[in-house]
């Protein structure tokens, strides 16, 4: 018996086993009954060797398998503990010995050596041991993918984030969970919200030359497989904690007389999986949460006490209350005189549930749903000028695999993914109109809460009042998908060929709003113009003669991309495989509602 990994990579979240069956003389043994059984669930699949002795099982859930081979005139061969990883074809050659079929020859397959000299694709597989033991600060599988050779962080300013591989753009990386895309079509990047480290069984990253079955993106292909239940109940419970007790005070906090920033970070969760009906139906559930308060020490220039006392204009004077007092009053006007611990808060929860069901020896069904919800707060130059976000994400996968015969199977997948962002100013709900009774254009929170809050007031050389001018903004992106993948072994009697073909169609849609400058923005060349102390100001701030421009946008677009592919795995010789594939994609025209 020999064992190695070869072949093309399937885009589905599965692995495969195939190999040659020979007798003691090395001659091929045809028509051998082969059964592959998952050792955790006892779910089995069957195949027969062809006239060359080749057998193939091409749609196996990642896991640990045993293989039995039997035919009259030979002893029954049993190979145990064969590890099948996602996106790999593991080859197990079996040698039959003459004898009674009631006699059993048992072999321990062990872990497959990942030697793939014939495969043009390159990449990395993170097996269950690695995914369980490698440290992940944020408990997100995206961070694990960054460990792939040839991968690097996305360039600074890349909206999608993620990583780039082999010279491609970060926005060219395709992300899939259980065979369903996990991409935000607005930014063409990964949805990085999900914390599902406890639920990830395996992860593969193909960095170059993927097969024709892969598509949508031209760069790296990331495929994540979540855990399923087994015949035994398994669970976990964890918590990670960090705080400021062993953390030194920031240098600038000490220098400017500030207060040490606190740190409270708690990550916790649990998982459980097991049988609903042994050998038939299984479940798995995980929950992971984060609660973090990590204020960041930040310095700023704020008006001194003397400057405050010099202001006579009523509007400017009322705005001074939103500037904090200097923490170092010895500094001259216009110098850095304040340090504060500006809020950086995150709270979120991720729930994942998966059901696997074997309807018959020909039909297997899987359903999996992930839900994420949370909120963040990130302050800017002043304690009240932060940005709030209430993100939400979902990902649904349903897969049905039907085996028409040991040489022909059809896999159908349907999925849905959603990503929601909702950015707003920290002082959302504040009625700025009460501070500007004579300035036109200021938003009245009683009439328009969405665009409420202080206007953006910038004084050259000083910290800015009000949130960013590109707030509020947000979007909802939805993707609906359908996949159909058919595999035929030895079509038309061509025993050296394995043909795979399929279709992928989806609807991508985005609903986005961007109320840029909705609260207005005013810039002053210096403090005197703000305070009304400049020559010609006559004791009045230029706020009195300003008007604030407002505006908002809302758009809704969608499209229907399609793709077809066909590929042929040609086994020319036992040590020579040729992979031929063709893929056609139609990006579709974008329609606007």
Protein backbone atom coordinates (compact mmCIF):
# COMPACT_ATOMS: atom_id res chain seq x y z
CA UNK A 1 0.00 0.00 0.00
CA UNK A 2 1.32 3.45 -0.93
CA UNK A 3 -0.17 6.81 -0.09
CA UNK A 4 0.39 10.33 -1.44
CA UNK A 5 -1.49 13.44 -2.56
CA UNK A 6 -1.95 14.33 -6.23
CA UNK A 7 -4.36 15.88 -8.67
CA UNK A 8 -6.46 18.94 -9.36
CA UNK A 9 -8.07 21.05 -6.68
CA UNK A 10 -11.86 21.13 -6.42
CA UNK A 11 -13.53 24.42 -5.51
CA UNK A 12 -16.08 22.60 -3.36
CA UNK A 13 -15.23 22.19 0.36
CA UNK A 14 -14.36 18.51 -0.10
CA UNK A 15 -11.41 16.19 -0.59
CA UNK A 16 -10.95 12.96 -2.52
CA UNK A 17 -9.36 9.52 -2.35
CA UNK A 18 -8.20 7.53 -5.33
CA UNK A 19 -5.57 4.98 -6.24
CA UNK A 20 -4.69 1.72 -7.99
CA UNK A 21 -5.49 -1.80 -6.81
CA UNK A 22 -2.98 -4.46 -7.81
CA UNK A 23 -2.11 -8.05 -6.91
CA UNK A 24 1.23 -9.40 -5.65
CA UNK A 25 2.64 -9.46 -9.20
CA UNK A 26 1.74 -5.81 -9.83
CA UNK A 27 -1.09 -6.63 -12.23
CA UNK A 28 -4.25 -4.49 -12.10
CA UNK A 29 -7.24 -6.01 -10.30
CA UNK A 30 -10.52 -4.77 -11.87
CA UNK A 31 -14.03 -4.75 -10.44
CA UNK A 32 -12.90 -4.57 -6.80
CA UNK A 33 -15.55 -3.30 -4.37
CA UNK A 34 -14.16 -0.32 -2.43
CA UNK A 35 -15.85 1.32 0.53
CA UNK A 36 -14.61 4.50 2.19
CA UNK A 37 -16.01 5.19 5.67
CA UNK A 38 -15.73 8.34 7.79
CA UNK A 39 -14.36 7.12 11.12
CA UNK A 40 -16.15 9.87 13.10
CA UNK A 41 -19.64 9.51 11.58
CA UNK A 42 -19.65 6.03 9.96
CA UNK A 43 -20.99 7.61 6.75
CA UNK A 44 -19.78 5.43 3.85
CA UNK A 45 -19.35 5.80 0.09
CA UNK A 46 -18.74 3.03 -2.44
CA UNK A 47 -16.81 2.63 -5.68
CA UNK A 48 -15.37 -0.07 -7.95
CA UNK A 49 -11.98 -0.31 -9.63
CA UNK A 50 -11.91 -0.10 -13.43
CA UNK A 51 -10.01 -2.33 -15.83
CA UNK A 52 -6.75 -0.53 -14.98
CA UNK A 53 -7.33 -1.08 -11.25
CA UNK A 54 -8.10 2.61 -10.64
CA UNK A 55 -10.76 3.54 -8.07
CA UNK A 56 -11.93 7.08 -7.21
CA UNK A 57 -14.12 8.73 -4.57
CA UNK A 58 -14.14 12.43 -5.38
CA UNK A 59 -16.60 14.06 -3.00
CA UNK A 60 -15.56 13.34 0.60
CA UNK A 61 -16.05 15.68 3.54
CA UNK A 62 -12.66 16.42 5.11
CA UNK A 63 -11.91 13.99 7.91
CA UNK A 64 -10.32 10.70 8.87
CA UNK A 65 -11.30 7.68 6.77
CA UNK A 66 -10.91 3.91 6.57
CA UNK A 67 -10.84 2.08 3.22
CA UNK A 68 -11.88 -1.51 2.56
CA UNK A 69 -11.22 -3.35 -0.71
CA UNK A 70 -12.57 -6.82 -1.41
CA UNK A 71 -13.09 -9.17 -4.35
CA UNK A 72 -13.38 -12.99 -4.61
CA UNK A 73 -10.05 -14.85 -4.50
CA UNK A 74 -8.27 -12.20 -2.42
CA UNK A 75 -8.04 -11.29 1.24
CA UNK A 76 -10.02 -8.25 2.31
CA UNK A 77 -7.79 -5.18 2.65
CA UNK A 78 -8.51 -2.57 5.36
CA UNK A 79 -6.63 0.73 5.43
CA UNK A 80 -7.33 2.86 8.50
CA UNK A 81 -6.71 6.48 9.51
CA UNK A 82 -6.38 8.05 6.06
CA UNK A 83 -6.50 11.83 6.51
CA UNK A 84 -8.41 13.72 3.82
CA UNK A 85 -7.97 17.49 3.76
CA UNK A 86 -10.03 20.10 1.95
CA UNK A 87 -8.99 20.73 -1.66
CA UNK A 88 -6.73 17.66 -1.81
CA UNK A 89 -6.86 14.37 -3.65
CA UNK A 90 -5.17 11.71 -1.53
CA UNK A 91 -3.94 8.68 -3.44
CA UNK A 92 -3.96 5.31 -1.67
CA UNK A 93 -2.65 2.38 -3.73
CA UNK A 94 -3.76 -1.01 -2.42
CA UNK A 95 -2.02 -4.36 -2.83
CA UNK A 96 -4.32 -7.41 -2.57
CA UNK A 97 -3.05 -10.77 -1.36
CA UNK A 98 -4.40 -14.11 -2.53
CA UNK A 99 -6.60 -15.79 0.06
CA UNK A 100 -10.11 -16.07 1.43
CA UNK A 101 -12.23 -12.94 1.48
CA UNK A 102 -12.98 -13.63 5.15
CA UNK A 103 -9.32 -12.96 5.94
CA UNK A 104 -8.52 -9.30 6.59
CA UNK A 105 -5.22 -7.51 6.06
CA UNK A 106 -5.19 -4.33 8.17
CA UNK A 107 -2.92 -1.36 7.39
CA UNK A 108 -2.58 1.96 9.22
CA UNK A 109 -2.66 4.67 6.56
CA UNK A 110 -1.46 7.47 8.83
CA UNK A 111 -1.31 11.07 7.66
CA UNK A 112 -0.87 11.62 3.94
CA UNK A 113 2.45 13.09 2.88
CA UNK A 114 1.70 16.25 0.94
CA UNK A 115 3.84 15.50 -2.13
CA UNK A 116 2.22 16.87 -5.25
CA UNK A 117 4.86 17.01 -7.99
CA UNK A 118 2.31 16.88 -10.81
CA UNK A 119 0.08 19.70 -9.61
CA UNK A 120 0.50 23.13 -11.19
CA UNK A 121 -1.35 24.93 -8.37
CA UNK A 122 0.56 26.06 -5.32
CA UNK A 123 -0.75 26.90 -1.88
CA UNK A 124 -1.11 25.76 1.70
CA UNK A 125 -3.48 23.53 3.66
CA UNK A 126 -4.09 24.25 7.33
CA UNK A 127 -5.23 20.92 8.77
CA UNK A 128 -7.35 20.51 11.95
CA UNK A 129 -4.27 20.33 14.18
CA UNK A 130 -2.89 23.60 12.82
CA UNK A 131 -6.21 25.46 12.95
CA UNK A 132 -6.67 24.35 16.56
CA UNK A 133 -3.16 25.18 17.79
CA UNK A 134 -2.01 28.26 15.88
CA UNK A 135 -2.65 31.46 17.92
CA UNK A 136 -5.19 33.91 16.51
CA UNK A 137 -5.42 37.27 18.27
CA UNK A 138 -8.79 38.14 16.77
CA UNK A 139 -10.10 34.56 16.45
CA UNK A 140 -10.73 35.15 12.72
CA UNK A 141 -9.77 32.68 9.99
CA UNK A 142 -8.63 35.59 7.80
CA UNK A 143 -5.56 35.96 10.02
CA UNK A 144 -4.73 32.27 9.57
CA UNK A 145 -4.69 32.63 5.79
CA UNK A 146 -1.98 35.30 6.10
CA UNK A 147 0.48 32.59 7.16
CA UNK A 148 0.47 31.20 3.61
CA UNK A 149 3.85 31.47 1.86
CA UNK A 150 3.67 34.22 -0.76
CA UNK A 151 0.88 36.08 1.06
CA UNK A 152 1.31 39.62 2.35
CA UNK A 153 -0.85 42.24 4.03
CA UNK A 154 -2.99 44.37 1.74
CA UNK A 155 -1.40 47.66 0.71
CA UNK A 156 -2.10 50.61 2.99
CA UNK A 157 -5.39 52.26 2.10
CA UNK A 158 -6.88 49.17 0.45
CA UNK A 159 -10.59 49.38 1.17
CA UNK A 160 -11.14 45.63 1.15
CA UNK A 161 -8.28 44.73 3.52
CA UNK A 162 -7.36 41.04 3.58
CA UNK A 163 -4.16 39.91 1.90
CA UNK A 164 -2.48 39.77 -1.48
CA UNK A 165 -0.73 36.69 -2.87
CA UNK A 166 1.82 36.05 -5.59
CA UNK A 167 1.75 39.63 -6.81
CA UNK A 168 -2.02 39.93 -7.19
CA UNK A 169 -4.16 42.65 -5.63
CA UNK A 170 -5.84 42.05 -2.28
CA UNK A 171 -9.18 42.71 -3.98
CA UNK A 172 -8.46 39.77 -6.32
CA UNK A 173 -8.55 37.23 -3.48
CA UNK A 174 -11.62 35.01 -3.37
CA UNK A 175 -12.98 33.89 0.02
CA UNK A 176 -15.36 30.95 0.51
CA UNK A 177 -16.88 29.29 3.59
CA UNK A 178 -18.20 25.78 2.97
CA UNK A 179 -18.23 26.52 -0.75
CA UNK A 180 -20.22 29.78 -0.47
CA UNK A 181 -18.60 33.12 -1.23
CA UNK A 182 -17.83 35.40 1.68
CA UNK A 183 -17.25 38.63 -0.24
CA UNK A 184 -18.69 42.14 0.00
CA UNK A 185 -19.44 43.12 -3.63
CA UNK A 186 -19.28 46.84 -2.81
CA UNK A 187 -15.53 46.73 -2.02
CA UNK A 188 -14.76 43.35 -3.64
CA UNK A 189 -13.15 42.17 -0.43
CA UNK A 190 -13.62 39.63 2.30
CA UNK A 191 -16.20 39.98 5.05
CA UNK A 192 -13.78 39.88 7.98
CA UNK A 193 -16.30 40.11 10.82
CA UNK A 194 -16.88 36.44 11.65
CA UNK A 195 -15.08 35.08 14.71
CA UNK A 196 -15.34 31.34 14.07
CA UNK A 197 -11.91 30.02 15.05
CA UNK A 198 -13.55 27.39 17.24
CA UNK A 199 -15.65 26.19 14.31
CA UNK A 200 -12.98 26.03 11.60
CA UNK A 201 -11.95 22.48 10.76
CA UNK A 202 -9.65 23.21 7.85
CA UNK A 203 -8.55 26.02 5.58
CA UNK A 204 -6.80 25.94 2.23
CA UNK A 205 -5.22 28.78 0.28
CA UNK A 206 -4.41 28.35 -3.42
CA UNK A 207 -2.01 31.13 -4.39
CA UNK A 208 -1.29 30.40 -8.08
CA UNK A 209 -2.76 28.55 -11.07
CA UNK A 210 -6.09 27.34 -9.64
CA UNK A 211 -8.17 24.89 -11.65
CA UNK A 212 -11.03 25.92 -13.93
CA UNK A 213 -13.55 25.19 -11.20
CA UNK A 214 -12.35 28.22 -9.29
CA UNK A 215 -13.56 31.62 -10.42
CA UNK A 216 -15.03 35.01 -9.62
CA UNK A 217 -11.62 36.40 -8.53
CA UNK A 218 -8.30 36.14 -10.37
CA UNK A 219 -6.01 35.98 -7.31
CA UNK A 220 -5.67 33.61 -4.38
CA UNK A 221 -8.53 31.25 -3.56
CA UNK A 222 -9.35 30.72 0.14
CA UNK A 223 -11.62 27.82 1.09
CA UNK A 224 -12.77 27.38 4.70
CA UNK A 225 -14.49 24.23 5.97
CA UNK A 226 -16.44 24.37 9.22
CA UNK A 227 -16.70 21.51 11.69
CA UNK A 228 -19.50 19.01 11.66
CA UNK A 229 -20.78 16.85 14.48
CA UNK A 230 -19.71 13.23 14.93
CA UNK A 231 -21.04 10.11 16.66
CA UNK A 232 -19.44 11.32 19.89
CA UNK A 233 -20.35 14.48 21.76
CA UNK A 234 -17.54 17.04 21.87
CA UNK A 235 -17.49 20.54 23.25
CA UNK A 236 -15.26 23.40 24.35
CA UNK A 237 -15.34 26.42 26.62
CA UNK A 238 -12.76 29.21 26.62
CA UNK A 239 -11.95 32.73 27.73
CA UNK A 240 -8.98 34.98 26.99
CA UNK A 241 -8.42 38.06 29.13
CA UNK A 242 -6.08 41.04 29.00
CA UNK A 243 -6.06 44.16 31.20
CA UNK A 244 -3.93 47.15 32.14
CA UNK A 245 -2.61 45.82 35.47
CA UNK A 246 0.73 44.83 33.95
CA UNK A 247 0.80 47.60 31.35
CA UNK A 248 3.02 50.68 31.71
CA UNK A 249 1.67 54.20 31.37
CA UNK A 250 2.23 55.82 27.98
CA UNK A 251 5.19 58.26 27.83
CA UNK A 252 3.15 61.22 26.55
CA UNK A 253 0.45 60.58 29.15
CA UNK A 254 3.07 61.04 31.88
CA UNK A 255 4.66 64.05 30.17
CA UNK A 256 1.40 65.99 29.77
CA UNK A 257 -0.12 65.04 33.12
CA UNK A 258 -2.71 62.64 31.78
CA UNK A 259 -4.31 59.53 33.28
CA UNK A 260 -3.15 56.00 32.44
CA UNK A 261 -5.38 54.41 29.82
CA UNK A 262 -7.31 51.34 30.99
CA UNK A 263 -7.49 48.11 29.02
CA UNK A 264 -10.21 45.49 29.34
CA UNK A 265 -10.28 42.77 26.67
CA UNK A 266 -12.32 39.61 27.02
CA UNK A 267 -12.78 36.98 24.34
CA UNK A 268 -14.91 34.02 25.26
CA UNK A 269 -17.10 31.38 23.74
CA UNK A 270 -18.17 27.78 23.56
CA UNK A 271 -18.89 25.00 21.09
CA UNK A 272 -20.68 21.67 21.11
CA UNK A 273 -21.25 19.00 18.50
CA UNK A 274 -22.59 15.48 18.35
CA UNK A 275 -25.20 13.13 16.93
CA UNK A 276 -28.88 13.86 16.59
CA UNK A 277 -29.26 10.36 15.20
CA UNK A 278 -26.14 8.19 15.20
CA UNK A 279 -24.62 7.39 11.81
CA UNK A 280 -27.29 9.60 10.25
CA UNK A 281 -27.73 13.17 11.48
CA UNK A 282 -25.21 15.42 13.25
CA UNK A 283 -25.09 18.96 14.61
CA UNK A 284 -22.42 21.49 15.53
CA UNK A 285 -22.82 24.89 17.24
CA UNK A 286 -20.30 27.55 18.23
CA UNK A 287 -20.53 30.97 19.85
CA UNK A 288 -17.70 33.47 20.17
CA UNK A 289 -17.82 36.96 21.66
CA UNK A 290 -15.54 39.94 22.19
CA UNK A 291 -15.83 42.75 24.74
CA UNK A 292 -13.02 45.26 24.55
CA UNK A 293 -12.40 48.72 25.95
CA UNK A 294 -8.96 49.96 24.98
CA UNK A 295 -8.75 53.78 25.07
CA UNK A 296 -5.76 55.12 23.17
CA UNK A 297 -3.65 57.98 24.59
CA UNK A 298 -3.79 60.82 22.06
CA UNK A 299 -2.37 64.34 22.22
CA UNK A 300 -4.01 67.49 20.89
CA UNK A 301 -3.93 71.29 20.91
CA UNK A 302 -6.91 72.86 22.70
CA UNK A 303 -7.65 76.51 23.65
CA UNK A 304 -5.91 77.70 26.79
CA UNK A 305 -7.79 79.17 29.75
CA UNK A 306 -6.72 82.66 28.67
CA UNK A 307 -8.05 82.10 25.16
CA UNK A 308 -11.34 80.84 26.51
CA UNK A 309 -11.73 83.96 28.66
CA UNK A 310 -11.08 86.20 25.64
CA UNK A 311 -14.05 84.90 23.63
CA UNK A 312 -17.11 87.15 23.64
CA UNK A 313 -19.10 85.81 20.68
CA UNK A 314 -22.02 83.77 22.11
CA UNK A 315 -21.88 80.98 19.49
CA UNK A 316 -18.12 80.52 19.74
CA UNK A 317 -18.36 80.69 23.52
CA UNK A 318 -20.96 77.92 23.62
CA UNK A 319 -18.76 75.71 21.42
CA UNK A 320 -15.83 76.00 23.82
CA UNK A 321 -17.57 73.61 26.21
CA UNK A 322 -16.84 70.80 23.73
CA UNK A 323 -13.10 71.43 23.95
CA UNK A 324 -11.55 69.79 27.04
CA UNK A 325 -9.39 71.90 29.36
CA UNK A 326 -5.61 71.55 28.91
CA UNK A 327 -4.03 68.78 30.94
CA UNK A 328 -0.78 70.80 30.87
CA UNK A 329 -1.74 74.45 31.46
CA UNK A 330 1.90 75.55 31.37
CA UNK A 331 2.03 75.26 27.57
CA UNK A 332 1.68 78.39 25.46
CA UNK A 333 -1.26 78.92 23.11
CA UNK A 334 -1.02 76.80 19.98
CA UNK A 335 1.24 74.21 21.63
CA UNK A 336 0.35 70.60 22.42
CA UNK A 337 -1.28 70.89 25.83
CA UNK A 338 -3.74 68.04 26.13
CA UNK A 339 -3.55 64.26 26.33
CA UNK A 340 -6.61 62.07 26.72
CA UNK A 341 -7.64 58.45 26.58
CA UNK A 342 -9.90 58.35 23.55
CA UNK A 343 -12.43 55.55 23.36
CA UNK A 344 -11.73 52.43 21.30
CA UNK A 345 -14.54 50.03 22.12
CA UNK A 346 -15.65 46.80 20.44
CA UNK A 347 -18.45 44.42 21.35
CA UNK A 348 -19.68 41.60 19.13
CA UNK A 349 -21.07 38.08 18.98
CA UNK A 350 -20.81 35.36 16.32
CA UNK A 351 -23.12 32.33 16.26
CA UNK A 352 -22.65 29.34 13.94
CA UNK A 353 -24.86 26.28 13.56
CA UNK A 354 -24.39 23.38 11.17
CA UNK A 355 -26.50 20.28 10.46
CA UNK A 356 -25.30 17.27 8.42
CA UNK A 357 -27.78 14.60 7.37
CA UNK A 358 -27.39 11.39 5.39
CA UNK A 359 -30.74 10.83 3.71
CA UNK A 360 -29.64 7.60 2.01
CA UNK A 361 -26.50 6.00 0.62
CA UNK A 362 -27.02 8.25 -2.42
CA UNK A 363 -27.97 11.58 -0.83
CA UNK A 364 -26.16 13.76 1.70
CA UNK A 365 -27.43 17.15 2.92
CA UNK A 366 -25.63 19.94 4.79
CA UNK A 367 -26.93 23.23 6.11
CA UNK A 368 -24.89 25.90 7.88
CA UNK A 369 -25.69 29.43 9.09
CA UNK A 370 -23.43 32.13 10.59
CA UNK A 371 -24.71 35.32 12.25
CA UNK A 372 -22.59 38.24 13.46
CA UNK A 373 -23.66 41.43 15.22
CA UNK A 374 -21.86 44.11 17.20
CA UNK A 375 -20.92 47.73 17.71
CA UNK A 376 -17.70 49.73 17.72
CA UNK A 377 -16.65 53.20 18.83
CA UNK A 378 -13.45 54.90 17.73
CA UNK A 379 -12.70 58.42 18.98
CA UNK A 380 -10.58 60.86 17.01
CA UNK A 381 -8.78 64.06 18.07
CA UNK A 382 -11.20 64.86 20.91
CA UNK A 383 -13.16 62.58 23.26
CA UNK A 384 -16.53 63.41 21.61
CA UNK A 385 -15.46 63.33 17.95
CA UNK A 386 -15.52 59.58 17.39
CA UNK A 387 -17.12 57.27 14.87
CA UNK A 388 -19.67 54.62 15.77
CA UNK A 389 -20.46 51.54 13.70
CA UNK A 390 -23.05 48.82 14.10
CA UNK A 391 -21.90 46.07 11.70
CA UNK A 392 -23.83 42.91 10.95
CA UNK A 393 -23.08 39.90 8.76
CA UNK A 394 -24.69 36.62 7.75
CA UNK A 395 -23.65 33.63 5.68
CA UNK A 396 -25.89 30.70 4.76
CA UNK A 397 -24.86 27.51 2.95
CA UNK A 398 -27.02 24.56 1.86
CA UNK A 399 -25.42 21.63 0.01
CA UNK A 400 -26.97 18.48 -1.43
CA UNK A 401 -24.83 15.71 -2.95
CA UNK A 402 -26.53 13.04 -5.02
CA UNK A 403 -24.70 9.91 -6.18
CA UNK A 404 -26.29 8.55 -9.35
CA UNK A 405 -23.71 5.76 -9.50
CA UNK A 406 -20.23 5.10 -8.15
CA UNK A 407 -18.91 6.92 -11.25
CA UNK A 408 -21.35 9.84 -11.49
CA UNK A 409 -22.32 12.37 -8.82
CA UNK A 410 -23.92 15.80 -8.69
CA UNK A 411 -23.32 18.43 -6.02
CA UNK A 412 -25.73 21.36 -5.69
CA UNK A 413 -25.04 24.36 -3.46
CA UNK A 414 -27.18 27.36 -2.62
CA UNK A 415 -26.03 30.24 -0.48
CA UNK A 416 -26.69 33.73 0.82
CA UNK A 417 -24.32 36.27 2.36
CA UNK A 418 -24.94 39.74 3.76
CA UNK A 419 -22.72 42.47 5.13
CA UNK A 420 -24.09 45.55 6.88
CA UNK A 421 -22.21 48.67 7.97
CA UNK A 422 -23.71 51.77 9.56
CA UNK A 423 -21.19 54.50 10.41
CA UNK A 424 -22.36 57.53 12.37
CA UNK A 425 -20.89 60.33 14.46
CA UNK A 426 -20.34 59.74 18.17
CA UNK A 427 -22.73 62.57 19.10
CA UNK A 428 -25.58 61.23 16.96
CA UNK A 429 -28.86 62.71 18.21
CA UNK A 430 -27.32 65.97 19.43
CA UNK A 431 -29.34 68.95 18.20
CA UNK A 432 -26.71 71.40 16.89
CA UNK A 433 -29.44 73.80 15.70
CA UNK A 434 -29.83 74.99 19.30
CA UNK A 435 -26.25 76.33 19.21
CA UNK A 436 -26.59 78.14 15.88
CA UNK A 437 -29.85 80.08 16.02
CA UNK A 438 -28.88 82.44 13.19
CA UNK A 439 -26.86 80.13 10.94
CA UNK A 440 -28.82 78.60 8.03
CA UNK A 441 -28.41 74.95 7.07
CA UNK A 442 -27.66 73.49 10.51
CA UNK A 443 -29.40 70.12 10.96
CA UNK A 444 -32.25 70.04 13.46
CA UNK A 445 -32.08 66.67 15.21
CA UNK A 446 -35.82 66.82 15.89
CA UNK A 447 -36.40 66.78 12.14
CA UNK A 448 -33.45 64.70 10.91
CA UNK A 449 -31.78 62.45 13.47
CA UNK A 450 -29.73 60.52 10.88
CA UNK A 451 -27.65 63.59 9.97
CA UNK A 452 -27.60 65.15 13.45
CA UNK A 453 -24.55 66.12 15.49
CA UNK A 454 -22.07 68.98 15.68
CA UNK A 455 -20.90 70.41 12.36
CA UNK A 456 -17.25 69.82 11.50
CA UNK A 457 -15.48 72.96 12.78
CA UNK A 458 -11.77 73.10 12.03
CA UNK A 459 -9.48 75.76 13.51
CA UNK A 460 -6.04 75.68 11.91
CA UNK A 461 -3.53 74.31 14.43
CA UNK A 462 -6.20 73.08 16.88
CA UNK A 463 -8.18 69.91 17.41
CA UNK A 464 -11.33 69.70 15.27
CA UNK A 465 -14.83 69.77 16.67
CA UNK A 466 -17.49 67.47 15.24
CA UNK A 467 -17.23 64.15 13.45
CA UNK A 468 -15.73 63.45 10.04
CA UNK A 469 -17.33 65.13 7.04
CA UNK A 470 -18.01 61.80 5.30
CA UNK A 471 -20.42 60.70 8.03
CA UNK A 472 -22.99 59.30 8.29
CA UNK A 473 -22.70 56.51 5.75
CA UNK A 474 -23.56 52.85 5.46
CA UNK A 475 -24.52 50.02 3.18
CA UNK A 476 -26.23 46.65 2.94
CA UNK A 477 -24.72 44.19 0.46
CA UNK A 478 -26.43 40.90 -0.41
CA UNK A 479 -25.25 37.99 -2.55
CA UNK A 480 -27.49 35.09 -3.59
CA UNK A 481 -25.71 32.10 -5.17
CA UNK A 482 -26.35 28.79 -6.88
CA UNK A 483 -23.71 26.18 -7.78
CA UNK A 484 -24.08 22.91 -9.67
CA UNK A 485 -21.04 20.65 -10.05
CA UNK A 486 -21.15 17.27 -11.82
CA UNK A 487 -18.38 14.68 -11.80
CA UNK A 488 -18.18 11.71 -14.17
CA UNK A 489 -15.51 9.02 -13.83
CA UNK A 490 -14.63 7.08 -17.00
CA UNK A 491 -17.08 8.86 -19.35
CA UNK A 492 -17.98 6.96 -22.51
CA UNK A 493 -15.77 4.12 -21.30
CA UNK A 494 -12.66 6.34 -21.28
CA UNK A 495 -11.15 4.84 -18.15
CA UNK A 496 -8.27 7.31 -18.04
CA UNK A 497 -10.55 10.37 -17.86
CA UNK A 498 -12.41 12.07 -15.03
CA UNK A 499 -14.58 14.93 -16.26
CA UNK A 500 -16.04 17.66 -14.10
CA UNK A 501 -18.32 20.46 -15.28
CA UNK A 502 -20.60 22.96 -13.63
CA UNK A 503 -22.36 26.30 -13.34
CA UNK A 504 -22.33 29.21 -10.90
CA UNK A 505 -24.91 32.01 -10.95
CA UNK A 506 -25.52 34.76 -8.44
CA UNK A 507 -27.26 38.05 -7.77
CA UNK A 508 -25.15 40.78 -6.18
CA UNK A 509 -26.80 43.88 -4.80
CA UNK A 510 -25.81 46.90 -2.75
CA UNK A 511 -27.90 49.58 -1.08
CA UNK A 512 -25.67 52.43 0.06
CA UNK A 513 -26.04 55.93 1.46
CA UNK A 514 -23.34 58.57 1.95
CA UNK A 515 -24.49 61.83 3.50
CA UNK A 516 -21.23 63.71 2.93
CA UNK A 517 -21.12 67.17 4.56
CA UNK A 518 -24.69 66.68 5.74
CA UNK A 519 -23.84 68.37 9.06
CA UNK A 520 -21.76 71.03 7.35
CA UNK A 521 -18.08 72.00 7.63
CA UNK A 522 -16.48 75.35 8.50
CA UNK A 523 -12.75 76.09 8.53
CA UNK A 524 -11.02 78.99 10.32
CA UNK A 525 -7.52 80.18 9.51
CA UNK A 526 -6.75 80.80 13.19
CA UNK A 527 -8.29 80.96 16.66
CA UNK A 528 -8.95 84.71 16.44
CA UNK A 529 -11.30 84.31 13.48
CA UNK A 530 -13.19 81.61 15.39
CA UNK A 531 -13.40 83.75 18.54
CA UNK A 532 -14.27 87.01 16.78
CA UNK A 533 -11.00 88.67 17.83
CA UNK A 534 -9.58 89.25 14.35
CA UNK A 535 -9.28 92.64 12.71
CA UNK A 536 -12.64 93.48 11.23
CA UNK A 537 -14.50 90.77 13.17
CA UNK A 538 -16.06 93.37 15.49
CA UNK A 539 -16.19 90.85 18.31
CA UNK A 540 -18.24 88.36 16.34
CA UNK A 541 -17.19 84.93 15.08
CA UNK A 542 -17.37 84.38 11.35
CA UNK A 543 -19.81 81.60 12.23
CA UNK A 544 -22.49 84.27 12.14
CA UNK A 545 -21.92 84.95 8.46
CA UNK A 546 -21.56 81.31 7.43
CA UNK A 547 -23.99 79.03 5.74
CA UNK A 548 -23.67 75.25 5.99
CA UNK A 549 -24.06 73.15 2.85
CA UNK A 550 -25.99 69.95 3.32
CA UNK A 551 -26.68 67.00 1.08
CA UNK A 552 -27.16 63.25 0.95
CA UNK A 553 -26.97 60.35 -1.48
CA UNK A 554 -28.67 56.98 -1.72
CA UNK A 555 -28.04 54.35 -4.39
CA UNK A 556 -29.15 50.79 -5.06
CA UNK A 557 -27.46 48.62 -7.71
CA UNK A 558 -27.49 44.96 -8.66
CA UNK A 559 -26.19 42.53 -11.28
CA UNK A 560 -26.38 38.83 -12.28
CA UNK A 561 -22.96 37.28 -13.02
CA UNK A 562 -22.79 33.75 -14.49
CA UNK A 563 -20.01 31.23 -15.05
CA UNK A 564 -19.60 27.82 -16.70
CA UNK A 565 -16.60 25.51 -16.59
CA UNK A 566 -15.42 22.07 -17.72
CA UNK A 567 -12.23 20.23 -16.86
CA UNK A 568 -10.71 16.83 -17.54
CA UNK A 569 -8.28 14.96 -15.30
CA UNK A 570 -6.47 12.60 -17.69
CA UNK A 571 -4.52 9.77 -16.07
CA UNK A 572 -2.04 9.05 -18.86
CA UNK A 573 0.10 6.83 -16.63
CA UNK A 574 0.10 6.07 -12.90
CA UNK A 575 2.79 8.72 -12.50
CA UNK A 576 1.55 11.18 -15.15
CA UNK A 577 -1.64 13.23 -14.94
CA UNK A 578 -2.71 15.97 -17.36
CA UNK A 579 -5.25 18.54 -16.20
CA UNK A 580 -7.17 20.41 -18.91
CA UNK A 581 -9.82 23.01 -18.10
CA UNK A 582 -11.85 25.87 -19.56
CA UNK A 583 -13.88 28.51 -17.73
CA UNK A 584 -16.22 31.18 -19.13
CA UNK A 585 -17.50 34.05 -17.01
CA UNK A 586 -20.02 36.80 -17.72
CA UNK A 587 -19.65 39.63 -15.14
CA UNK A 588 -23.06 41.08 -16.11
CA UNK A 589 -24.14 44.67 -16.57
CA UNK A 590 -24.76 46.73 -13.43
CA UNK A 591 -28.33 47.96 -13.09
CA UNK A 592 -29.34 50.88 -10.85
CA UNK A 593 -32.67 51.21 -9.16
